[in-house]
Amino acid sequence: MGFPNFICIGAQKAGTTWIDAQLRQHPSVWMPPMKEVHFFDYQYREDFRRWITWHLNTTLKRELLKSVEAGKKKAMDWKRIKYLSELATSPKRFSVEWYKQIFAYAPKGAICGEITPEYSTIGEAGISHMRELIPDVKIIYVIRDPVARAWSQLKMNMVRNGSLISGKVPEDSAFLENLDHPSIMDRGNYSAFVPQWDKYFTEGTEILYIPFKEISSNPEGLMRRIENFIGLPKHDEYDGLRKIVHKGSGIKRPNLVDSKLRQMMADEYEFLNTRFGAEFSSAI
């Protein structure tokens, strides 16, 4: 009671928003109003705390405003407004009590879950804590091609810092200058993170690794696998299975940047091939 039955993690820019959108449509699933709760990474990644606080405030404000707007057209959902307000103003933010409070709003009998990609980076201390706190939780870990993921991360970072403006293609040097941002390597450091998760969760029964391209190549089959893994009844009415949730900018990766990224990610490719095999690696 008060904890999720499943948690979806993965490198940033690896399709977790699509999984979130599908699972929210399943009638047996309940998920928090905010995608990305950030409970565990707040505890174990102090360098994330500032933007996590911003993310939480922004998301809860948005959900509160949506509830108020909805109340103008039909009866005000005071229970939901109270729930969101208490999460936003709680003096015990990011405590175990606060985390349980998030899931206390779920309907009785629902399968509860949350999706926070950054949990993949919390290290052994964080994973051990998760396992101790929620012994039966199931983990879904999405893995994307290291270079493709890093390129997507790089563009997102540059949009946020103002060095990539819509409609303008920067010089190669601008991309190269942004390659030293910690998120480029840290968010997709599979060779460090996957063994840590393997140590605490058994593949197949407790942790499900998903290759990113399966989202586009076989979305129906992927949702069947996720349903079976979590213990959900089959649902045949997912909307938007083949819809791109976050469409890329369309900017072609410059050869110089591609070459640099492949050098940076060489060890990651070697690890993924060794750990998961050629078939899995070809689908990331």
Protein backbone atom coordinates (compact mmCIF):
# COMPACT_ATOMS: atom_id res chain seq x y z
CA MET A 1 0.00 0.00 0.00
CA GLY A 2 1.28 3.43 -0.91
CA PHE A 3 4.11 2.26 -3.17
CA PRO A 4 4.29 1.57 -6.93
CA ASN A 5 4.04 -1.93 -8.34
CA PHE A 6 6.34 -1.02 -11.20
CA ILE A 7 8.88 1.66 -12.06
CA CYS A 8 10.10 2.50 -15.55
CA ILE A 9 13.62 3.87 -15.90
CA GLY A 10 16.10 4.40 -18.71
CA ALA A 11 18.44 6.87 -20.25
CA GLN A 12 16.98 10.31 -20.88
CA LYS A 13 15.65 10.60 -24.45
CA ALA A 14 14.89 6.87 -24.63
CA GLY A 15 11.14 6.65 -25.16
CA THR A 16 9.84 6.63 -21.59
CA THR A 17 7.32 9.37 -22.43
CA TRP A 18 5.75 7.06 -25.01
CA ILE A 19 5.49 4.24 -22.46
CA ASP A 20 3.97 6.67 -19.98
CA ALA A 21 1.35 7.75 -22.52
CA GLN A 22 0.36 4.15 -23.29
CA LEU A 23 0.20 2.86 -19.71
CA ARG A 24 -2.00 5.77 -18.63
CA GLN A 25 -4.62 4.45 -21.05
CA HIS A 26 -4.78 1.00 -19.43
CA PRO A 27 -7.92 0.72 -17.26
CA SER A 28 -6.11 -1.27 -14.57
CA VAL A 29 -3.19 1.16 -14.21
CA TRP A 30 -2.90 4.27 -12.04
CA MET A 31 0.05 6.63 -12.33
CA PRO A 32 0.82 9.91 -10.54
CA PRO A 33 -0.25 13.20 -12.12
CA MET A 34 3.40 14.02 -12.79
CA LYS A 35 5.54 11.89 -15.05
CA GLU A 36 8.87 11.69 -13.23
CA VAL A 37 8.38 11.76 -9.47
CA HIS A 38 12.16 11.90 -8.82
CA PHE A 39 11.93 10.48 -5.30
CA PHE A 40 15.02 8.27 -5.45
CA ASP A 41 17.29 10.45 -7.56
CA TYR A 42 16.55 13.39 -5.27
CA GLN A 43 18.02 11.30 -2.47
CA TYR A 44 21.02 9.92 -4.35
CA ARG A 45 21.89 12.54 -6.98
CA GLU A 46 22.41 15.80 -5.12
CA ASP A 47 23.46 17.44 -8.40
CA PHE A 48 19.91 16.90 -9.68
CA ARG A 49 18.09 18.51 -6.76
CA ARG A 50 17.77 22.06 -8.06
CA TRP A 51 16.11 21.14 -11.34
CA ILE A 52 14.07 18.37 -9.69
CA THR A 53 12.52 20.98 -7.39
CA TRP A 54 11.78 23.18 -10.41
CA HIS A 55 10.27 20.21 -12.27
CA LEU A 56 8.01 19.26 -9.35
CA ASN A 57 6.78 22.81 -8.80
CA THR A 58 6.10 23.30 -12.51
CA THR A 59 4.28 20.00 -12.93
CA LEU A 60 2.08 20.32 -9.86
CA LYS A 61 1.19 23.91 -10.78
CA ARG A 62 0.18 22.77 -14.26
CA GLU A 63 -1.99 19.97 -12.88
CA LEU A 64 -3.63 22.28 -10.37
CA LEU A 65 -4.47 24.81 -13.08
CA LYS A 66 -5.91 22.03 -15.24
CA SER A 67 -8.15 20.93 -12.36
CA VAL A 68 -9.33 24.48 -11.76
CA GLU A 69 -10.07 24.99 -15.47
CA ALA A 70 -11.97 21.70 -15.59
CA GLY A 71 -14.00 22.88 -12.59
CA LYS A 72 -15.32 25.79 -14.64
CA LYS A 73 -17.09 23.37 -16.98
CA LYS A 74 -18.20 20.75 -14.48
CA ALA A 75 -18.17 20.14 -10.74
CA MET A 76 -14.91 21.12 -9.08
CA ASP A 77 -12.84 18.08 -8.07
CA TRP A 78 -11.92 19.35 -4.62
CA LYS A 79 -10.41 16.02 -3.62
CA ARG A 80 -7.89 16.17 -6.45
CA ILE A 81 -7.13 19.83 -5.79
CA LYS A 82 -6.51 19.04 -2.11
CA TYR A 83 -4.29 16.10 -3.10
CA LEU A 84 -2.16 18.18 -5.49
CA SER A 85 -1.93 21.10 -3.06
CA GLU A 86 -0.75 18.85 -0.24
CA LEU A 87 1.96 17.33 -2.45
CA ALA A 88 3.10 20.80 -3.48
CA THR A 89 3.18 22.30 0.02
CA SER A 90 4.23 19.32 2.11
CA PRO A 91 7.09 20.11 4.53
CA LYS A 92 8.17 16.47 4.06
CA ARG A 93 8.85 16.60 0.35
CA PHE A 94 10.89 13.63 -0.91
CA SER A 95 10.48 11.75 2.36
CA VAL A 96 9.16 8.17 2.36
CA GLU A 97 5.92 9.50 3.83
CA TRP A 98 5.56 11.97 0.95
CA TYR A 99 6.30 9.24 -1.62
CA LYS A 100 3.59 7.02 -0.15
CA GLN A 101 1.21 9.96 -0.12
CA ILE A 102 1.56 10.23 -3.92
CA PHE A 103 0.22 6.70 -4.43
CA ALA A 104 -2.41 6.91 -1.70
CA TYR A 105 -4.66 8.68 -4.22
CA ALA A 106 -4.84 5.59 -6.45
CA PRO A 107 -8.15 3.70 -6.69
CA LYS A 108 -8.36 0.49 -4.71
CA GLY A 109 -7.10 -2.49 -6.70
CA ALA A 110 -5.21 -0.46 -9.31
CA ILE A 111 -1.74 -1.44 -10.50
CA CYS A 112 0.39 1.58 -9.64
CA GLY A 113 3.51 2.73 -11.39
CA GLU A 114 5.77 5.66 -11.99
CA ILE A 115 8.25 6.60 -14.72
CA THR A 116 11.44 8.45 -13.85
CA PRO A 117 14.27 7.82 -16.35
CA GLU A 118 16.92 9.32 -14.06
CA TYR A 119 16.51 6.49 -11.54
CA SER A 120 18.86 4.54 -13.80
CA THR A 121 21.67 6.75 -12.45
CA ILE A 122 21.09 6.38 -8.69
CA GLY A 123 23.88 3.86 -8.09
CA GLU A 124 24.01 0.86 -5.80
CA ALA A 125 23.01 2.78 -2.67
CA GLY A 126 19.86 4.05 -4.35
CA ILE A 127 19.00 0.71 -5.93
CA SER A 128 19.48 -1.08 -2.62
CA HIS A 129 17.19 1.46 -0.95
CA MET A 130 14.53 0.95 -3.63
CA ARG A 131 14.73 -2.82 -3.27
CA GLU A 132 14.45 -2.62 0.52
CA LEU A 133 11.61 -0.09 0.46
CA ILE A 134 9.57 -1.82 -2.28
CA PRO A 135 10.68 -5.48 -2.31
CA ASP A 136 8.23 -6.62 -5.00
CA VAL A 137 8.60 -3.70 -7.40
CA LYS A 138 9.18 -4.53 -11.06
CA ILE A 139 11.60 -2.50 -13.15
CA ILE A 140 11.31 -1.63 -16.84
CA TYR A 141 14.60 -0.33 -18.27
CA VAL A 142 14.61 1.18 -21.79
CA ILE A 143 17.94 1.15 -23.63
CA ARG A 144 18.63 3.32 -26.66
CA ASP A 145 21.56 3.39 -29.09
CA PRO A 146 24.32 5.32 -27.26
CA VAL A 147 25.15 7.73 -30.10
CA ALA A 148 21.53 8.39 -31.12
CA ARG A 149 20.59 8.99 -27.50
CA ALA A 150 23.57 11.28 -26.87
CA TRP A 151 22.77 13.26 -30.05
CA SER A 152 19.19 13.77 -28.90
CA GLN A 153 20.45 14.78 -25.44
CA LEU A 154 22.96 17.18 -26.99
CA LYS A 155 20.29 18.96 -29.04
CA MET A 156 17.95 19.23 -26.05
CA ASN A 157 20.73 20.69 -23.91
CA MET A 158 21.57 23.23 -26.61
CA VAL A 159 17.94 24.31 -26.97
CA ARG A 160 17.81 24.88 -23.23
CA ASN A 161 21.04 26.89 -23.09
CA GLY A 162 20.15 28.94 -26.15
CA SER A 163 22.89 27.68 -28.49
CA LEU A 164 20.37 25.87 -30.73
CA ILE A 165 17.53 28.00 -32.07
CA SER A 166 14.66 26.63 -34.14
CA GLY A 167 15.23 27.13 -37.85
CA LYS A 168 18.98 27.70 -37.51
CA VAL A 169 21.71 25.07 -37.84
CA PRO A 170 24.76 25.91 -35.71
CA GLU A 171 28.35 25.42 -36.80
CA ASP A 172 29.95 22.09 -35.91
CA SER A 173 32.02 23.88 -33.29
CA ALA A 174 28.88 24.79 -31.32
CA PHE A 175 27.93 21.11 -31.05
CA LEU A 176 31.45 20.12 -30.07
CA GLU A 177 31.57 22.77 -27.35
CA ASN A 178 28.48 21.21 -25.77
CA LEU A 179 29.74 17.63 -25.82
CA ASP A 180 31.46 17.99 -22.46
CA HIS A 181 28.16 18.41 -20.60
CA PRO A 182 27.95 15.63 -17.93
CA SER A 183 24.55 14.45 -19.18
CA ILE A 184 26.00 13.32 -22.51
CA MET A 185 27.89 10.45 -20.91
CA ASP A 186 26.17 10.12 -17.54
CA ARG A 187 22.58 9.55 -18.71
CA GLY A 188 23.58 6.73 -21.06
CA ASN A 189 26.36 5.10 -19.07
CA TYR A 190 24.99 1.57 -19.47
CA SER A 191 28.30 -0.12 -18.70
CA ALA A 192 28.21 1.37 -15.20
CA PHE A 193 24.47 1.31 -14.50
CA VAL A 194 23.17 -1.98 -15.94
CA PRO A 195 25.46 -4.21 -13.79
CA GLN A 196 24.26 -2.34 -10.71
CA TRP A 197 20.61 -3.11 -11.55
CA ASP A 198 21.50 -6.71 -12.44
CA LYS A 199 22.96 -7.13 -8.97
CA TYR A 200 19.62 -6.42 -7.28
CA PHE A 201 17.01 -7.50 -9.86
CA THR A 202 16.71 -10.73 -11.83
CA GLU A 203 16.22 -10.24 -15.56
CA GLY A 204 12.91 -11.52 -16.89
CA THR A 205 11.05 -11.75 -13.60
CA GLU A 206 12.08 -8.57 -11.75
CA ILE A 207 13.60 -6.35 -14.44
CA LEU A 208 12.65 -6.09 -18.11
CA TYR A 209 15.17 -4.59 -20.53
CA ILE A 210 13.58 -3.04 -23.63
CA PRO A 211 15.46 -2.04 -26.81
CA PHE A 212 14.34 1.43 -27.88
CA LYS A 213 13.57 0.67 -31.54
CA GLU A 214 10.92 -1.84 -30.50
CA ILE A 215 8.72 1.15 -29.67
CA SER A 216 8.48 1.97 -33.37
CA SER A 217 9.02 -1.47 -34.93
CA ASN A 218 6.58 -3.47 -32.80
CA PRO A 219 4.56 -1.26 -30.44
CA GLU A 220 1.68 -3.73 -30.09
CA GLY A 221 4.01 -6.58 -29.22
CA LEU A 222 5.96 -4.40 -26.83
CA MET A 223 2.82 -3.44 -24.91
CA ARG A 224 1.89 -7.14 -24.65
CA ARG A 225 5.32 -7.83 -23.14
CA ILE A 226 4.98 -4.96 -20.68
CA GLU A 227 1.47 -6.06 -19.71
CA ASN A 228 2.62 -9.64 -19.09
CA PHE A 229 5.64 -8.48 -17.12
CA ILE A 230 3.66 -6.16 -14.85
CA GLY A 231 0.74 -8.57 -14.52
CA LEU A 232 -1.86 -6.57 -16.42
CA PRO A 233 -4.82 -7.92 -18.37
CA LYS A 234 -4.60 -7.48 -22.14
CA HIS A 235 -5.75 -4.07 -23.38
CA ASP A 236 -6.59 -3.64 -27.07
CA GLU A 237 -7.55 0.02 -27.19
CA TYR A 238 -4.28 1.92 -26.89
CA ASP A 239 -4.46 5.17 -28.83
CA GLY A 240 -1.35 6.52 -30.52
CA LEU A 241 0.77 3.38 -30.49
CA ARG A 242 2.56 4.57 -33.61
CA LYS A 243 2.54 8.25 -32.75
CA ILE A 244 5.85 10.04 -32.16
CA VAL A 245 5.57 11.72 -28.75
CA HIS A 246 8.57 14.04 -29.03
CA LYS A 247 9.44 14.63 -32.68
CA GLY A 248 13.07 15.47 -33.24
CA SER A 249 14.35 18.70 -34.76
CA GLY A 250 15.29 17.03 -38.04
CA ILE A 251 18.83 18.42 -37.88
CA LYS A 252 21.26 15.96 -39.45
CA ARG A 253 24.13 14.88 -37.22
CA PRO A 254 27.33 16.45 -38.63
CA ASN A 255 30.01 13.91 -39.58
CA LEU A 256 32.52 15.44 -37.20
CA VAL A 257 30.06 15.27 -34.29
CA ASP A 258 29.05 11.71 -35.21
CA SER A 259 32.69 10.63 -35.26
CA LYS A 260 33.35 12.25 -31.89
CA LEU A 261 30.27 10.65 -30.31
CA ARG A 262 31.23 7.22 -31.64
CA GLN A 263 34.65 7.57 -30.04
CA MET A 264 33.04 8.60 -26.76
CA MET A 265 30.55 5.71 -26.82
CA ALA A 266 32.83 2.91 -28.05
CA ASP A 267 32.95 1.21 -24.66
CA GLU A 268 29.16 1.39 -24.35
CA TYR A 269 28.64 -0.45 -27.63
CA GLU A 270 31.11 -3.14 -26.59
CA PHE A 271 29.35 -3.57 -23.25
CA LEU A 272 25.86 -3.76 -24.77
CA ASN A 273 26.94 -6.36 -27.31
CA THR A 274 28.55 -8.47 -24.60
CA ARG A 275 25.73 -8.11 -22.06
CA PHE A 276 22.67 -8.41 -24.32
CA GLY A 277 23.90 -9.97 -27.55
CA ALA A 278 23.79 -8.90 -31.17
CA GLU A 279 20.03 -9.27 -31.69
CA PHE A 280 19.13 -7.00 -28.77
CA SER A 281 21.89 -4.51 -29.66
CA SER A 282 20.62 -4.22 -33.24
CA ALA A 283 17.22 -3.12 -31.89
CA ILE A 284 18.39 -0.34 -29.61
